[in-house]
Amino acid sequence: MATLSAHTDEATASRVSEMAKLEDRTSSQITAAAVRWYVRLPASARDALRRIEAQGDQAIDEAAWAVGRTLLDRQYEDALKAGLGRAPSTLPADASEEDILSEAVRITRRR
């Protein structure tokens, strides 16, 4: 496995260290994951990241929140597709609210 070295500010190093402890991973693993994602971004996205970074911490936090939301939306859509495949709906197009609630209970109850 190749080794990379990077210089960063104390605040970022501290965040990486705290995150590694919370996730029971090493700082190196956190850094490797970040680099793995960064190098897969298109050049235009990397340019956008650098422009946002130049605007300061608030802009970075706002952009990170938006990216995080997009990733969670993607994960939700994947889970929804997987779940619907396992429990197809039996609702007619003109289902009542009571029918919809009953179907939601049926789909989500433990088997």
Protein backbone atom coordinates (compact mmCIF):
# COMPACT_ATOMS: atom_id res chain seq x y z
CA MET A 1 0.00 0.00 0.00
CA ALA A 2 1.31 3.43 -0.93
CA THR A 3 1.86 6.15 1.66
CA LEU A 4 1.01 9.82 1.19
CA SER A 5 1.86 12.72 3.43
CA ALA A 6 -0.08 15.95 3.84
CA HIS A 7 0.19 19.18 5.76
CA THR A 8 -2.96 20.63 7.28
CA ASP A 9 -4.02 23.20 9.83
CA GLU A 10 -4.46 22.22 13.48
CA ALA A 11 -8.25 22.45 13.37
CA THR A 12 -8.49 19.97 10.49
CA ALA A 13 -5.99 17.61 12.10
CA SER A 14 -8.01 17.74 15.31
CA ARG A 15 -11.26 17.01 13.47
CA VAL A 16 -9.68 14.03 11.72
CA SER A 17 -8.38 12.71 15.03
CA GLU A 18 -11.78 13.12 16.74
CA MET A 19 -13.58 11.51 13.80
CA ALA A 20 -11.17 8.57 13.80
CA LYS A 21 -11.87 7.96 17.49
CA LEU A 22 -15.64 8.19 17.03
CA GLU A 23 -15.59 5.81 14.05
CA ASP A 24 -12.99 3.46 15.58
CA ARG A 25 -10.70 4.02 12.59
CA THR A 26 -7.24 5.47 12.19
CA SER A 27 -6.51 9.01 11.04
CA SER A 28 -4.84 7.43 8.03
CA GLN A 29 -8.06 5.61 7.10
CA ILE A 30 -10.08 8.84 7.35
CA THR A 31 -7.53 10.67 5.21
CA ALA A 32 -7.41 7.86 2.64
CA ALA A 33 -11.22 7.92 2.30
CA ALA A 34 -11.20 11.70 1.75
CA VAL A 35 -8.45 11.49 -0.88
CA ARG A 36 -10.16 8.52 -2.59
CA TRP A 37 -13.30 10.65 -3.09
CA TYR A 38 -11.46 13.83 -4.07
CA VAL A 39 -9.45 12.24 -6.87
CA ARG A 40 -12.64 10.78 -8.38
CA LEU A 41 -14.35 14.15 -8.67
CA PRO A 42 -14.44 15.79 -12.07
CA ALA A 43 -12.07 18.72 -12.51
CA SER A 44 -15.00 21.16 -12.44
CA ALA A 45 -16.09 19.86 -9.03
CA ARG A 46 -12.54 20.14 -7.65
CA ASP A 47 -12.42 23.72 -8.97
CA ALA A 48 -15.71 24.45 -7.22
CA LEU A 49 -14.34 23.01 -3.98
CA ARG A 50 -11.30 25.29 -4.15
CA ARG A 51 -13.50 28.34 -4.85
CA ILE A 52 -15.75 27.47 -1.90
CA GLU A 53 -12.73 26.87 0.33
CA ALA A 54 -11.44 30.36 -0.54
CA GLN A 55 -14.70 31.81 0.84
CA GLY A 56 -13.99 30.56 4.34
CA ASP A 57 -15.27 28.14 6.94
CA GLN A 58 -18.96 29.07 6.76
CA ALA A 59 -19.04 28.45 3.00
CA ILE A 60 -17.23 25.13 3.49
CA ASP A 61 -19.70 24.08 6.21
CA GLU A 62 -22.70 25.00 4.05
CA ALA A 63 -21.33 23.14 1.04
CA ALA A 64 -20.42 20.11 3.17
CA TRP A 65 -23.97 20.04 4.56
CA ALA A 66 -25.40 20.15 1.02
CA VAL A 67 -23.11 17.36 -0.18
CA GLY A 68 -23.96 15.30 2.90
CA ARG A 69 -27.67 15.78 2.24
CA THR A 70 -27.19 14.62 -1.36
CA LEU A 71 -25.36 11.49 -0.20
CA LEU A 72 -28.08 10.70 2.35
CA ASP A 73 -30.78 11.25 -0.28
CA ARG A 74 -28.96 8.81 -2.55
CA GLN A 75 -28.71 6.25 0.26
CA TYR A 76 -32.42 6.69 1.03
CA GLU A 77 -33.39 6.16 -2.61
CA ASP A 78 -31.27 3.00 -2.77
CA ALA A 79 -32.86 1.67 0.43
CA LEU A 80 -36.32 2.54 -0.83
CA LYS A 81 -35.74 0.70 -4.10
CA ALA A 82 -34.41 -2.35 -2.26
CA GLY A 83 -37.33 -2.31 0.19
CA LEU A 84 -39.99 -1.91 -2.46
CA GLY A 85 -38.58 -4.86 -4.33
CA ARG A 86 -39.03 -7.06 -1.26
CA ALA A 87 -42.51 -5.86 -0.39
CA PRO A 88 -44.42 -4.75 -3.49
CA SER A 89 -47.50 -2.66 -2.80
CA THR A 90 -50.98 -4.10 -3.29
CA LEU A 91 -52.67 -0.71 -3.25
CA PRO A 92 -55.09 0.24 -6.00
CA ALA A 93 -54.65 3.64 -7.65
CA ASP A 94 -57.73 5.02 -5.82
CA ALA A 95 -56.64 3.82 -2.33
CA SER A 96 -58.07 5.65 0.66
CA GLU A 97 -55.92 7.17 3.40
CA GLU A 98 -56.86 4.24 5.65
CA ASP A 99 -55.79 1.78 2.93
CA ILE A 100 -52.46 3.60 2.59
CA LEU A 101 -51.82 3.51 6.34
CA SER A 102 -52.68 -0.18 6.51
CA GLU A 103 -50.34 -0.91 3.62
CA ALA A 104 -47.54 1.08 5.30
CA VAL A 105 -47.97 -1.03 8.43
CA ARG A 106 -47.95 -4.22 6.37
CA ILE A 107 -44.80 -3.29 4.50
CA THR A 108 -42.86 -2.20 7.59
CA ARG A 109 -43.87 -4.83 10.14
CA ARG A 110 -41.34 -7.45 11.11
CA ARG A 111 -41.77 -10.82 9.55
